[in-house]
Amino acid sequence: MHSTTPHDEHWPPVGSGLWTRWWGYLARWLLFGLVVSVFVPVTDEGPEPWWQLKLYQALVGLLFGLVCALVFTLAENRWNTPRVKWKSWAIVLATWLVVKVVFVSTLAVIA
């Protein structure tokens, strides 16, 4: 069963150039940021209720996912246009590390 269609037929043609496939990357990174942030325990028992602190964690996780999606989309479409699997994973790890360092550093300066 040979097919002449590209192997990536589940990707509709969304975006072009540096923004190719942006919607799929955005969805995955937002989900990652949300899930990871929601499973972090609430450690600050301040005057705010627990649900409010958990909501704050979720919003920060979504912001983290949004920034990761932006960085990853630009990096993947600039340096890995043939979609080599090991390069994609290297870009995923580099994206997570760079954005995490920036977020932690920013939070440390603000707090």
C-alpha atoms as a PDB file:
ATOM      1  CA  MET A   1       0.000   0.000   0.000  1.00  0.00           C
ATOM      2  CA  HIS A   2       2.132   2.831  -1.287  1.00  0.00           C
ATOM      3  CA  SER A   3       0.943   6.348  -0.992  1.00  0.00           C
ATOM      4  CA  THR A   4       2.097   9.395  -2.872  1.00  0.00           C
ATOM      5  CA  THR A   5       0.812  11.752  -0.176  1.00  0.00           C
ATOM      6  CA  PRO A   6       3.245  13.073   2.401  1.00  0.00           C
ATOM      7  CA  HIS A   7       3.651  11.183   5.654  1.00  0.00           C
ATOM      8  CA  ASP A   8       2.339  14.192   7.595  1.00  0.00           C
ATOM      9  CA  GLU A   9      -1.173  14.107   6.193  1.00  0.00           C
ATOM     10  CA  HIS A  10      -2.715  14.695   9.646  1.00  0.00           C
ATOM     11  CA  TRP A  11      -1.216  18.212   9.566  1.00  0.00           C
ATOM     12  CA  PRO A  12      -3.413  20.594   7.607  1.00  0.00           C
ATOM     13  CA  PRO A  13      -1.564  23.410   5.828  1.00  0.00           C
ATOM     14  CA  VAL A  14      -1.668  26.024   8.595  1.00  0.00           C
ATOM     15  CA  GLY A  15       0.886  28.817   8.521  1.00  0.00           C
ATOM     16  CA  SER A  16       3.910  29.138   6.345  1.00  0.00           C
ATOM     17  CA  GLY A  17       7.583  29.872   6.708  1.00  0.00           C
ATOM     18  CA  LEU A  18       8.587  30.274  10.347  1.00  0.00           C
ATOM     19  CA  TRP A  19       4.981  29.711  11.495  1.00  0.00           C
ATOM     20  CA  THR A  20       4.407  26.339   9.810  1.00  0.00           C
ATOM     21  CA  ARG A  21       2.461  23.928  12.065  1.00  0.00           C
ATOM     22  CA  TRP A  22       2.110  26.541  14.816  1.00  0.00           C
ATOM     23  CA  TRP A  23      -1.305  25.351  15.992  1.00  0.00           C
ATOM     24  CA  GLY A  24      -0.190  21.797  16.770  1.00  0.00           C
ATOM     25  CA  TYR A  25       2.871  22.983  18.653  1.00  0.00           C
ATOM     26  CA  LEU A  26       0.776  25.538  20.551  1.00  0.00           C
ATOM     27  CA  ALA A  27      -1.779  22.936  21.654  1.00  0.00           C
ATOM     28  CA  ARG A  28       0.901  20.521  22.876  1.00  0.00           C
ATOM     29  CA  TRP A  29       2.918  23.135  24.757  1.00  0.00           C
ATOM     30  CA  LEU A  30      -0.186  24.661  26.379  1.00  0.00           C
ATOM     31  CA  LEU A  31      -1.295  21.218  27.536  1.00  0.00           C
ATOM     32  CA  PHE A  32       2.192  20.477  28.860  1.00  0.00           C
ATOM     33  CA  GLY A  33       2.383  23.783  30.743  1.00  0.00           C
ATOM     34  CA  LEU A  34      -1.083  23.348  32.236  1.00  0.00           C
ATOM     35  CA  VAL A  35      -0.653  19.720  33.323  1.00  0.00           C
ATOM     36  CA  VAL A  36       2.777  20.259  34.848  1.00  0.00           C
ATOM     37  CA  SER A  37       1.694  23.377  36.748  1.00  0.00           C
ATOM     38  CA  VAL A  38      -1.543  21.870  38.080  1.00  0.00           C
ATOM     39  CA  PHE A  39       0.280  18.912  39.633  1.00  0.00           C
ATOM     40  CA  VAL A  40       2.660  21.155  41.599  1.00  0.00           C
ATOM     41  CA  PRO A  41       1.521  21.203  45.239  1.00  0.00           C
ATOM     42  CA  VAL A  42       0.397  24.502  46.756  1.00  0.00           C
ATOM     43  CA  THR A  43       3.052  25.429  49.307  1.00  0.00           C
ATOM     44  CA  ASP A  44       2.092  28.991  50.191  1.00  0.00           C
ATOM     45  CA  GLU A  45      -0.652  28.989  52.796  1.00  0.00           C
ATOM     46  CA  GLY A  46      -1.368  32.708  52.721  1.00  0.00           C
ATOM     47  CA  PRO A  47      -4.652  34.542  53.071  1.00  0.00           C
ATOM     48  CA  GLU A  48      -5.742  33.467  49.575  1.00  0.00           C
ATOM     49  CA  PRO A  49      -7.898  30.349  49.301  1.00  0.00           C
ATOM     50  CA  TRP A  50      -6.401  27.161  47.895  1.00  0.00           C
ATOM     51  CA  TRP A  51      -8.368  27.332  44.631  1.00  0.00           C
ATOM     52  CA  GLN A  52      -7.089  30.841  43.947  1.00  0.00           C
ATOM     53  CA  LEU A  53      -3.473  29.728  44.340  1.00  0.00           C
ATOM     54  CA  LYS A  54      -4.130  26.714  42.099  1.00  0.00           C
ATOM     55  CA  LEU A  55      -5.713  29.004  39.487  1.00  0.00           C
ATOM     56  CA  TYR A  56      -2.621  31.232  39.623  1.00  0.00           C
ATOM     57  CA  GLN A  57      -0.407  28.169  39.087  1.00  0.00           C
ATOM     58  CA  ALA A  58      -2.527  27.103  36.104  1.00  0.00           C
ATOM     59  CA  LEU A  59      -2.339  30.563  34.518  1.00  0.00           C
ATOM     60  CA  VAL A  60       1.431  30.688  34.954  1.00  0.00           C
ATOM     61  CA  GLY A  61       1.611  27.194  33.411  1.00  0.00           C
ATOM     62  CA  LEU A  62      -0.410  28.331  30.411  1.00  0.00           C
ATOM     63  CA  LEU A  63       1.836  31.369  30.015  1.00  0.00           C
ATOM     64  CA  PHE A  64       4.869  29.079  30.202  1.00  0.00           C
ATOM     65  CA  GLY A  65       3.340  26.830  27.520  1.00  0.00           C
ATOM     66  CA  LEU A  66       2.596  29.828  25.305  1.00  0.00           C
ATOM     67  CA  VAL A  67       6.180  31.090  25.487  1.00  0.00           C
ATOM     68  CA  CYS A  68       7.533  27.575  24.888  1.00  0.00           C
ATOM     69  CA  ALA A  69       5.262  27.189  21.849  1.00  0.00           C
ATOM     70  CA  LEU A  70       6.493  30.472  20.420  1.00  0.00           C
ATOM     71  CA  VAL A  71      10.173  29.628  20.942  1.00  0.00           C
ATOM     72  CA  PHE A  72       9.803  26.024  19.744  1.00  0.00           C
ATOM     73  CA  THR A  73       7.832  26.911  16.611  1.00  0.00           C
ATOM     74  CA  LEU A  74      10.403  29.464  15.517  1.00  0.00           C
ATOM     75  CA  ALA A  75      13.349  27.178  16.317  1.00  0.00           C
ATOM     76  CA  GLU A  76      11.826  24.059  14.726  1.00  0.00           C
ATOM     77  CA  ASN A  77      10.896  25.851  11.513  1.00  0.00           C
ATOM     78  CA  ARG A  78      14.256  27.589  11.241  1.00  0.00           C
ATOM     79  CA  TRP A  79      16.699  24.799  12.145  1.00  0.00           C
ATOM     80  CA  ASN A  80      14.812  21.565  11.509  1.00  0.00           C
ATOM     81  CA  THR A  81      12.779  21.915   8.323  1.00  0.00           C
ATOM     82  CA  PRO A  82      13.341  18.249   7.295  1.00  0.00           C
ATOM     83  CA  ARG A  83      11.855  17.232  10.701  1.00  0.00           C
ATOM     84  CA  VAL A  84      14.696  15.014  11.885  1.00  0.00           C
ATOM     85  CA  LYS A  85      13.448  13.318  15.051  1.00  0.00           C
ATOM     86  CA  TRP A  86      16.569  13.737  17.203  1.00  0.00           C
ATOM     87  CA  LYS A  87      16.804  17.429  16.271  1.00  0.00           C
ATOM     88  CA  SER A  88      13.168  17.930  17.237  1.00  0.00           C
ATOM     89  CA  TRP A  89      13.790  16.373  20.650  1.00  0.00           C
ATOM     90  CA  ALA A  90      16.939  18.449  21.116  1.00  0.00           C
ATOM     91  CA  ILE A  91      14.938  21.579  20.309  1.00  0.00           C
ATOM     92  CA  VAL A  92      12.202  20.481  22.748  1.00  0.00           C
ATOM     93  CA  LEU A  93      14.743  20.073  25.559  1.00  0.00           C
ATOM     94  CA  ALA A  94      16.544  23.307  24.714  1.00  0.00           C
ATOM     95  CA  THR A  95      13.236  25.182  24.546  1.00  0.00           C
ATOM     96  CA  TRP A  96      12.099  23.853  27.912  1.00  0.00           C
ATOM     97  CA  LEU A  97      15.457  24.624  29.534  1.00  0.00           C
ATOM     98  CA  VAL A  98      15.788  28.165  28.167  1.00  0.00           C
ATOM     99  CA  VAL A  99      12.199  29.160  28.923  1.00  0.00           C
ATOM    100  CA  LYS A 100      12.332  27.569  32.392  1.00  0.00           C
ATOM    101  CA  VAL A 101      15.532  29.480  33.265  1.00  0.00           C
ATOM    102  CA  VAL A 102      13.981  32.731  32.033  1.00  0.00           C
ATOM    103  CA  PHE A 103      10.744  32.121  33.990  1.00  0.00           C
ATOM    104  CA  VAL A 104      12.517  31.125  37.217  1.00  0.00           C
ATOM    105  CA  SER A 105      14.930  34.059  36.944  1.00  0.00           C
ATOM    106  CA  THR A 106      12.080  36.488  36.306  1.00  0.00           C
ATOM    107  CA  LEU A 107      10.064  35.144  39.242  1.00  0.00           C
ATOM    108  CA  ALA A 108      13.117  35.353  41.494  1.00  0.00           C
ATOM    109  CA  VAL A 109      13.684  38.996  40.564  1.00  0.00           C
ATOM    110  CA  ILE A 110      10.005  39.900  40.992  1.00  0.00           C
ATOM    111  CA  ALA A 111       9.501  38.097  44.321  1.00  0.00           C
END
